[in-house]
Amino acid sequence: MSENSAAAWQALTGRAGERAALLGAEGLPTRRVEAWHYTPLQSLNGIAWQEAPALEAATVKQRVEGLNLPEHDGLLVFANGRFCKELSHLPDCMDVQEYGDGSAVQPLLAGRFSAGLNAALRQPGARLHVPAGTDAGLIVMVSLTEGDGVSTHLHHSVTLDEGAQLTLLDVQLGTGQYLTNPQVDVHCADKAHLSHITQQAESHEAARLAIVGAHVGERGNYDSFTLNQGGVLARQEVVTQLSGPFSNTNVNAIQLVDGARLNDLSSMIHHASPDCTSRQTVRSVLSENGQGVFQGKILVDQIAQKTDGYQMNQALLLSEKAQMNSKPELEIYADDVKCSHGATVGALDEDQLFYLRSRGVQEEQARDMLVQAFLLETVELVEHESLRDYLLKALPGHV
């Protein structure tokens, strides 16, 4: 069976209608596509993905109330690709509208399959706007998906005017065998600061193809942190362009992968202006047959002198069958830069494990303690204290 006659492709192109051209003509990406070499999508071919049906309001309310969310200043809820206005609220300084901007792919994300898929099938998400000089506090956005053989394609926009600040906790979860394909467009004006924390806790039967495109103005900051802990196949893609001098971005992540699941964190940071900085720290813990992927690229334009870019990927393998694929990349056209990358893969330190066991700590608890120690440094990169506590509770061995 050719890729273009697969059930998934037929269903997706049929639903897209006249926008099907945005999907391309090659079918779902295979290993032959370099960007998808470690995360091919052929496992999705056998399902004719249909639009997810609406969920009952009482069911959604019960799911949201069951979440142990941190104290927050606003809440947005989406269920099966639909905005739940009755469960949502925002502070007076912010406004939210449905984000329906047609089917265009923003130039920053051109040629990326996840963005094309979202453009072809997109559903209106939230258009968040924070006025100049305003600190909107912590906003939580919950996206719930339930069902089998269904897909959602929410499209969100977050715009911060000059000097504005916002912390956004983006929680994604669900039950069933579904496909979710969210996109977030971020615009940080001069001196604006967005801290964007994503908790990816999708069903272990689900597939996820998420993408973020962020523009950062002069002295602005886009601080991204992803906790990948769900999905049988989940890819989080972050593309950032530093468009103004002295701007900064951080693209940090933790991946917890067990069973036969695969989690992928792919990033591209484009230094398009001088005196900008970027930091990437990704740590993965892989057990059983789990597979982790990190693909991180730093692109430095000729104009972007005095760039300071750094990326580090570290993986902890708890099983001989676990696998980590790492592909750091630098593409530099300026001559006055400081850029570096590195990667390490290893197992638990047996001496440390023996030390804990010799002091009466049970083996399972000792392993969890060492895993937490490995991940703690990355969690501490999150500036918001209550969010650090929230993320720590999701790590192995937390009581």
Protein backbone atom coordinates (compact mmCIF):
# COMPACT_ATOMS: atom_id res chain seq x y z
CA MET A 1 0.00 0.00 0.00
CA SER A 2 1.44 3.39 -0.96
CA GLU A 3 1.61 6.15 1.60
CA ASN A 4 -0.94 8.27 -0.24
CA SER A 5 -3.54 5.48 -0.13
CA ALA A 6 -3.12 4.91 3.60
CA ALA A 7 -6.26 5.27 5.70
CA ALA A 8 -4.77 8.16 7.68
CA TRP A 9 -3.74 10.15 4.62
CA GLN A 10 -7.06 9.64 2.86
CA ALA A 11 -8.96 10.77 5.96
CA LEU A 12 -6.78 13.82 6.60
CA THR A 13 -6.77 15.05 3.00
CA GLY A 14 -10.52 14.40 2.72
CA ARG A 15 -11.22 16.50 5.81
CA ALA A 16 -8.88 19.26 4.59
CA GLY A 17 -10.77 19.63 1.31
CA GLU A 18 -9.43 22.56 -0.72
CA ARG A 19 -6.69 23.09 1.90
CA ALA A 20 -5.25 19.62 1.29
CA ALA A 21 -2.36 21.15 -0.68
CA LEU A 22 -0.99 22.45 2.63
CA LEU A 23 -0.27 18.83 3.57
CA GLY A 24 2.00 18.28 0.59
CA ALA A 25 1.84 15.22 -1.62
CA GLU A 26 4.28 12.80 0.00
CA GLY A 27 2.10 11.33 2.73
CA LEU A 28 3.12 11.15 6.37
CA PRO A 29 6.89 11.71 6.86
CA THR A 30 9.10 8.62 6.68
CA ARG A 31 12.68 8.03 7.81
CA ARG A 32 13.78 9.31 4.41
CA VAL A 33 12.79 12.82 5.52
CA GLU A 34 15.78 14.04 7.51
CA ALA A 35 13.79 16.02 10.08
CA TRP A 36 11.70 12.93 10.80
CA HIS A 37 14.41 10.28 10.55
CA TYR A 38 14.13 9.35 14.24
CA THR A 39 10.36 9.90 14.49
CA PRO A 40 8.68 8.44 11.38
CA LEU A 41 4.90 8.57 11.32
CA GLN A 42 4.05 5.34 9.51
CA SER A 43 2.52 3.90 12.69
CA LEU A 44 -0.33 6.40 12.21
CA ASN A 45 -1.18 5.22 8.70
CA GLY A 46 -3.71 2.56 9.67
CA ILE A 47 -6.20 4.90 11.34
CA ALA A 48 -8.70 7.06 9.45
CA TRP A 49 -8.52 10.06 11.76
CA GLN A 50 -11.91 11.73 12.15
CA GLU A 51 -13.00 14.98 13.78
CA ALA A 52 -13.38 14.56 17.55
CA PRO A 53 -16.98 14.82 18.78
CA ALA A 54 -18.02 17.35 21.41
CA LEU A 55 -17.73 16.20 25.02
CA GLU A 56 -20.43 16.72 27.64
CA ALA A 57 -19.81 19.80 29.79
CA ALA A 58 -20.19 17.79 33.00
CA THR A 59 -17.50 15.34 31.89
CA VAL A 60 -15.06 18.12 31.05
CA LYS A 61 -15.73 19.92 34.33
CA GLN A 62 -15.09 16.74 36.30
CA ARG A 63 -11.79 16.12 34.46
CA VAL A 64 -10.56 19.66 35.05
CA GLU A 65 -11.56 19.71 38.71
CA GLY A 66 -9.63 16.46 39.17
CA LEU A 67 -6.38 18.11 38.12
CA ASN A 68 -4.05 19.28 40.86
CA LEU A 69 -3.35 22.61 39.16
CA PRO A 70 -1.25 25.28 40.86
CA GLU A 71 -2.90 28.49 42.06
CA HIS A 72 -3.48 30.65 39.00
CA ASP A 73 -4.82 33.99 37.78
CA GLY A 74 -6.77 32.64 34.83
CA LEU A 75 -7.93 29.38 33.24
CA LEU A 76 -8.69 28.39 29.66
CA VAL A 77 -10.24 25.01 28.89
CA PHE A 78 -10.48 23.23 25.54
CA ALA A 79 -12.13 19.83 25.10
CA ASN A 80 -11.85 17.80 21.90
CA GLY A 81 -10.79 20.92 20.02
CA ARG A 82 -13.57 23.18 21.33
CA PHE A 83 -13.36 26.16 23.70
CA CYS A 84 -15.25 25.68 26.98
CA LYS A 85 -16.21 29.25 27.78
CA GLU A 86 -18.22 28.34 30.89
CA LEU A 87 -15.14 26.79 32.55
CA SER A 88 -12.75 29.56 31.54
CA HIS A 89 -11.87 32.91 33.04
CA LEU A 90 -9.10 35.51 32.66
CA PRO A 91 -7.92 38.53 34.66
CA ASP A 92 -9.36 41.92 33.68
CA CYS A 93 -6.05 43.00 32.13
CA MET A 94 -6.30 40.34 29.42
CA ASP A 95 -8.70 39.50 26.65
CA VAL A 96 -9.29 36.26 24.78
CA GLN A 97 -10.85 35.71 21.39
CA GLU A 98 -11.14 32.72 19.12
CA TYR A 99 -8.07 32.56 16.93
CA GLY A 100 -9.30 32.00 13.41
CA ASP A 101 -6.78 33.45 10.96
CA GLY A 102 -7.53 31.27 7.99
CA SER A 103 -5.23 28.56 6.74
CA ALA A 104 -1.94 30.41 6.21
CA VAL A 105 1.31 28.96 7.55
CA GLN A 106 3.35 31.69 9.19
CA PRO A 107 6.72 32.13 7.40
CA LEU A 108 8.69 31.05 10.47
CA LEU A 109 7.11 27.58 10.25
CA ALA A 110 7.04 27.20 6.46
CA GLY A 111 7.91 23.71 5.24
CA ARG A 112 7.32 22.04 8.61
CA PHE A 113 4.89 19.14 8.42
CA SER A 114 3.22 19.72 11.79
CA ALA A 115 2.45 23.34 10.83
CA GLY A 116 1.10 22.28 7.45
CA LEU A 117 -1.14 19.67 9.08
CA ASN A 118 -2.46 22.26 11.51
CA ALA A 119 -3.07 24.78 8.71
CA ALA A 120 -4.99 22.22 6.68
CA LEU A 121 -7.26 21.09 9.52
CA ARG A 122 -6.97 23.85 12.10
CA GLN A 123 -9.58 24.60 14.70
CA PRO A 124 -9.83 28.06 16.33
CA GLY A 125 -8.04 28.21 19.65
CA ALA A 126 -7.34 31.18 21.92
CA ARG A 127 -5.97 34.55 20.90
CA LEU A 128 -4.35 35.87 24.09
CA HIS A 129 -3.21 39.46 24.33
CA VAL A 130 -1.34 41.17 27.19
CA PRO A 131 -1.19 45.00 26.97
CA ALA A 132 2.05 46.94 27.25
CA GLY A 133 3.66 47.09 30.67
CA THR A 134 1.21 44.59 32.19
CA ASP A 135 2.05 41.49 34.24
CA ALA A 136 -0.84 39.08 33.66
CA GLY A 137 0.43 36.52 36.19
CA LEU A 138 -0.05 32.77 35.71
CA ILE A 139 -2.59 31.54 33.19
CA VAL A 140 -3.36 27.80 32.85
CA MET A 141 -4.57 26.40 29.54
CA VAL A 142 -5.96 22.86 29.67
CA SER A 143 -6.50 20.86 26.48
CA LEU A 144 -8.42 17.61 27.00
CA THR A 145 -8.86 15.01 24.28
CA GLU A 146 -10.95 11.85 24.55
CA GLY A 147 -11.88 9.22 21.99
CA ASP A 148 -10.47 6.65 19.58
CA GLY A 149 -9.53 7.33 15.98
CA VAL A 150 -10.09 11.09 16.32
CA SER A 151 -7.84 14.13 15.91
CA THR A 152 -7.75 17.76 17.04
CA HIS A 153 -5.82 20.69 15.53
CA LEU A 154 -6.08 23.74 17.79
CA HIS A 155 -4.34 26.95 16.76
CA HIS A 156 -3.46 29.48 19.50
CA SER A 157 -1.85 32.91 19.50
CA VAL A 158 -0.09 34.62 22.41
CA THR A 159 0.88 38.28 21.93
CA LEU A 160 2.73 40.35 24.52
CA ASP A 161 3.03 44.07 23.88
CA GLU A 162 6.12 46.06 24.90
CA GLY A 163 7.21 45.31 28.46
CA ALA A 164 4.36 42.86 29.12
CA GLN A 165 4.81 39.66 31.14
CA LEU A 166 2.94 36.37 31.23
CA THR A 167 3.48 32.87 32.59
CA LEU A 168 1.50 30.25 30.66
CA LEU A 169 1.09 26.67 31.87
CA ASP A 170 -0.07 24.60 28.90
CA VAL A 171 -1.47 21.24 30.11
CA GLN A 172 -2.39 18.58 27.55
CA LEU A 173 -3.92 15.25 28.51
CA GLY A 174 -6.54 12.74 27.49
CA THR A 175 -7.76 9.17 27.20
CA GLY A 176 -7.95 6.94 24.15
CA GLN A 177 -6.15 6.46 20.86
CA TYR A 178 -6.22 9.91 19.30
CA LEU A 179 -4.02 12.37 17.41
CA THR A 180 -3.50 15.91 18.65
CA ASN A 181 -1.76 18.58 16.57
CA PRO A 182 -1.72 21.94 18.39
CA GLN A 183 0.12 25.05 17.19
CA VAL A 184 0.99 28.14 19.23
CA ASP A 185 2.09 31.40 17.58
CA VAL A 186 4.06 33.59 20.01
CA HIS A 187 4.88 37.28 19.57
CA CYS A 188 7.01 38.92 22.26
CA ALA A 189 7.45 42.64 21.62
CA ASP A 190 10.42 44.65 22.87
CA LYS A 191 11.20 43.96 26.55
CA ALA A 192 8.29 41.49 26.83
CA HIS A 193 8.75 38.23 28.76
CA LEU A 194 6.75 35.05 28.20
CA SER A 195 7.42 31.95 30.29
CA HIS A 196 5.73 29.03 28.50
CA ILE A 197 5.60 25.73 30.39
CA THR A 198 4.10 22.74 28.57
CA GLN A 199 3.07 19.59 30.43
CA GLN A 200 2.54 16.92 27.79
CA ALA A 201 0.64 14.15 29.59
CA GLU A 202 -1.32 12.68 26.68
CA SER A 203 -2.74 9.17 26.74
CA HIS A 204 -0.08 6.49 26.29
CA GLU A 205 -2.07 5.34 23.24
CA ALA A 206 -2.16 8.79 21.65
CA ALA A 207 0.00 10.50 19.04
CA ARG A 208 0.98 14.14 19.29
CA LEU A 209 2.52 16.53 16.75
CA ALA A 210 2.86 19.92 18.45
CA ILE A 211 4.63 23.02 17.17
CA VAL A 212 5.42 26.48 18.53
CA GLY A 213 6.65 29.45 16.49
CA ALA A 214 7.98 32.40 18.52
CA HIS A 215 9.19 35.85 17.43
CA VAL A 216 11.13 37.80 20.08
CA GLY A 217 11.76 41.54 19.88
CA GLU A 218 14.58 43.70 21.27
CA ARG A 219 15.45 42.76 24.88
CA GLY A 220 12.49 40.39 24.86
CA ASN A 221 12.53 36.89 26.29
CA TYR A 222 10.74 33.67 25.34
CA ASP A 223 11.39 31.05 27.99
CA SER A 224 10.11 27.58 27.00
CA PHE A 225 10.03 24.48 29.19
CA THR A 226 8.46 21.15 28.17
CA LEU A 227 7.74 18.12 30.32
CA ASN A 228 7.23 15.24 27.89
CA GLN A 229 5.66 12.31 29.74
CA GLY A 230 2.85 10.97 27.56
CA GLY A 231 1.92 9.76 24.11
CA VAL A 232 2.94 6.58 22.34
CA LEU A 233 4.53 8.92 19.77
CA ALA A 234 4.91 12.56 20.75
CA ARG A 235 6.90 15.35 19.12
CA GLN A 236 7.24 18.85 20.57
CA GLU A 237 8.78 21.26 18.05
CA VAL A 238 9.89 24.76 19.11
CA VAL A 239 11.02 27.30 16.52
CA THR A 240 12.25 30.66 17.81
CA GLN A 241 13.49 33.73 15.98
CA LEU A 242 15.43 36.35 17.92
CA SER A 243 14.49 39.38 15.86
CA GLY A 244 15.79 42.23 18.02
CA PRO A 245 19.15 42.99 19.67
CA PHE A 246 19.75 41.66 23.19
CA SER A 247 16.80 39.26 22.99
CA ASN A 248 16.91 35.83 24.61
CA THR A 249 15.28 32.43 24.43
CA ASN A 250 15.52 29.27 26.52
CA VAL A 251 14.25 25.95 25.15
CA ASN A 252 14.51 23.46 28.00
CA ALA A 253 12.84 20.10 28.46
CA ILE A 254 12.52 16.87 30.44
CA GLN A 255 11.43 13.65 28.75
CA LEU A 256 10.20 10.63 30.74
CA VAL A 257 9.74 7.69 28.39
CA ASP A 258 8.84 4.11 29.33
CA GLY A 259 7.14 1.13 27.68
CA ALA A 260 7.55 1.20 23.92
CA ARG A 261 6.83 4.92 23.65
CA LEU A 262 8.76 7.60 21.75
CA ASN A 263 9.11 11.26 22.78
CA ASP A 264 10.82 13.83 20.57
CA LEU A 265 11.95 17.37 21.43
CA SER A 266 13.05 19.22 18.30
CA SER A 267 14.09 22.87 18.25
CA MET A 268 15.45 25.51 15.91
CA ILE A 269 16.73 28.82 17.30
CA HIS A 270 17.38 31.49 14.70
CA HIS A 271 19.70 34.29 15.81
CA ALA A 272 18.67 37.02 13.39
CA SER A 273 20.00 40.01 15.34
CA PRO A 274 23.23 40.84 17.22
CA ASP A 275 23.92 40.47 20.95
CA CYS A 276 21.34 37.72 21.53
CA THR A 277 21.54 34.67 23.77
CA SER A 278 19.96 31.22 23.73
CA ARG A 279 20.11 28.24 26.07
CA GLN A 280 18.87 24.67 25.58
CA THR A 281 19.01 22.00 28.27
CA VAL A 282 17.21 18.72 27.59
CA ARG A 283 17.38 15.74 29.94
CA SER A 284 15.69 12.41 29.23
CA VAL A 285 15.05 9.36 31.39
CA LEU A 286 14.37 6.23 29.32
CA SER A 287 13.26 2.86 30.64
CA GLU A 288 12.05 -0.46 29.16
CA ASN A 289 11.89 0.01 25.36
CA GLY A 290 11.46 3.77 25.53
CA GLN A 291 12.99 5.96 22.83
CA GLY A 292 14.00 9.59 23.18
CA VAL A 293 14.88 12.08 20.44
CA PHE A 294 16.55 15.47 20.67
CA GLN A 295 17.18 17.51 17.53
CA GLY A 296 18.44 21.00 18.30
CA LYS A 297 19.69 23.52 15.77
CA ILE A 298 21.19 26.97 16.30
CA LEU A 299 21.25 29.16 13.18
CA VAL A 300 23.31 32.36 13.36
CA ASP A 301 22.93 34.97 10.60
CA GLN A 302 25.89 37.05 9.46
CA ILE A 303 24.36 40.11 11.11
CA ALA A 304 24.06 38.31 14.44
CA GLN A 305 27.49 39.19 15.84
CA LYS A 306 28.18 38.56 19.54
CA THR A 307 25.74 35.67 19.62
CA ASP A 308 25.93 33.48 22.72
CA GLY A 309 24.29 30.10 22.11
CA TYR A 310 24.46 26.88 24.12
CA GLN A 311 22.73 23.53 24.00
CA MET A 312 23.16 20.37 26.06
CA ASN A 313 21.35 17.05 25.79
CA GLN A 314 21.79 14.40 28.50
CA ALA A 315 20.06 11.03 28.75
CA LEU A 316 19.79 8.46 31.51
CA LEU A 317 19.12 4.91 30.31
CA LEU A 318 17.46 2.63 32.87
CA SER A 319 17.26 -0.34 30.50
CA GLU A 320 19.57 -1.97 27.97
CA LYS A 321 16.75 -1.75 25.43
CA ALA A 322 16.13 1.99 25.88
CA GLN A 323 17.45 4.27 23.15
CA MET A 324 18.37 7.94 22.83
CA ASN A 325 18.93 9.66 19.48
CA SER A 326 20.63 13.05 19.69
CA LYS A 327 21.34 15.44 16.83
CA PRO A 328 22.73 18.83 17.92
CA GLU A 329 23.56 21.19 15.08
CA LEU A 330 25.20 24.59 14.61
CA GLU A 331 24.95 26.68 11.43
CA ILE A 332 26.97 29.88 11.86
CA TYR A 333 27.58 32.71 9.38
CA ALA A 334 28.90 35.32 11.85
CA ASP A 335 32.51 35.40 13.06
CA ASP A 336 32.16 36.96 16.54
CA VAL A 337 30.09 34.31 18.33
CA LYS A 338 30.22 31.95 21.27
CA CYS A 339 28.28 28.77 20.46
CA SER A 340 28.63 25.25 21.84
CA HIS A 341 26.72 22.00 22.11
CA GLY A 342 27.15 18.66 23.81
CA ALA A 343 25.48 15.34 24.52
CA THR A 344 25.93 12.56 27.07
CA VAL A 345 24.23 9.19 27.49
CA GLY A 346 24.74 6.95 30.51
CA ALA A 347 23.24 4.67 33.13
CA LEU A 348 22.66 5.14 36.86
CA ASP A 349 25.84 5.43 38.89
CA GLU A 350 26.22 2.05 40.59
CA ASP A 351 28.43 3.52 43.32
CA GLN A 352 25.77 6.05 44.25
CA LEU A 353 23.13 3.33 44.16
CA PHE A 354 25.25 1.12 46.42
CA TYR A 355 25.80 4.03 48.84
CA LEU A 356 22.05 4.59 49.22
CA ARG A 357 21.34 0.85 49.58
CA SER A 358 24.03 0.54 52.26
CA ARG A 359 22.17 3.13 54.31
CA GLY A 360 18.91 1.23 54.28
CA VAL A 361 17.22 2.80 51.27
CA GLN A 362 15.17 0.30 49.26
CA GLU A 363 16.43 -0.24 45.70
CA GLU A 364 13.38 1.21 43.94
CA GLN A 365 13.41 4.27 46.17
CA ALA A 366 17.14 4.69 45.68
CA ARG A 367 16.73 4.61 41.90
CA ASP A 368 13.95 7.20 42.08
CA MET A 369 16.14 9.45 44.24
CA LEU A 370 18.97 9.32 41.71
CA VAL A 371 16.58 9.99 38.82
CA GLN A 372 15.14 13.00 40.64
CA ALA A 373 18.64 14.31 41.33
CA PHE A 374 19.44 13.99 37.61
CA LEU A 375 16.33 15.98 36.65
CA LEU A 376 16.28 18.54 39.45
CA GLU A 377 18.77 20.92 37.85
CA THR A 378 16.58 21.19 34.76
CA VAL A 379 13.37 21.78 36.74
CA GLU A 380 15.13 24.59 38.61
CA LEU A 381 15.44 26.45 35.29
CA VAL A 382 11.72 27.26 35.64
CA GLU A 383 11.54 30.68 37.29
CA HIS A 384 8.04 30.41 38.78
CA GLU A 385 8.28 28.77 42.22
CA SER A 386 4.81 27.19 42.34
CA LEU A 387 5.34 25.77 38.85
CA ARG A 388 8.64 24.22 39.91
CA ASP A 389 6.79 22.50 42.76
CA TYR A 390 4.05 21.43 40.38
CA LEU A 391 6.55 19.88 37.95
CA LEU A 392 8.49 18.14 40.70
CA LYS A 393 5.33 16.28 41.70
CA ALA A 394 5.22 14.73 38.24
CA LEU A 395 8.72 13.23 38.49
CA PRO A 396 9.37 9.55 39.34
CA GLY A 397 9.18 8.64 43.02
CA HIS A 398 7.35 11.75 44.22
CA VAL A 399 5.18 11.08 47.25
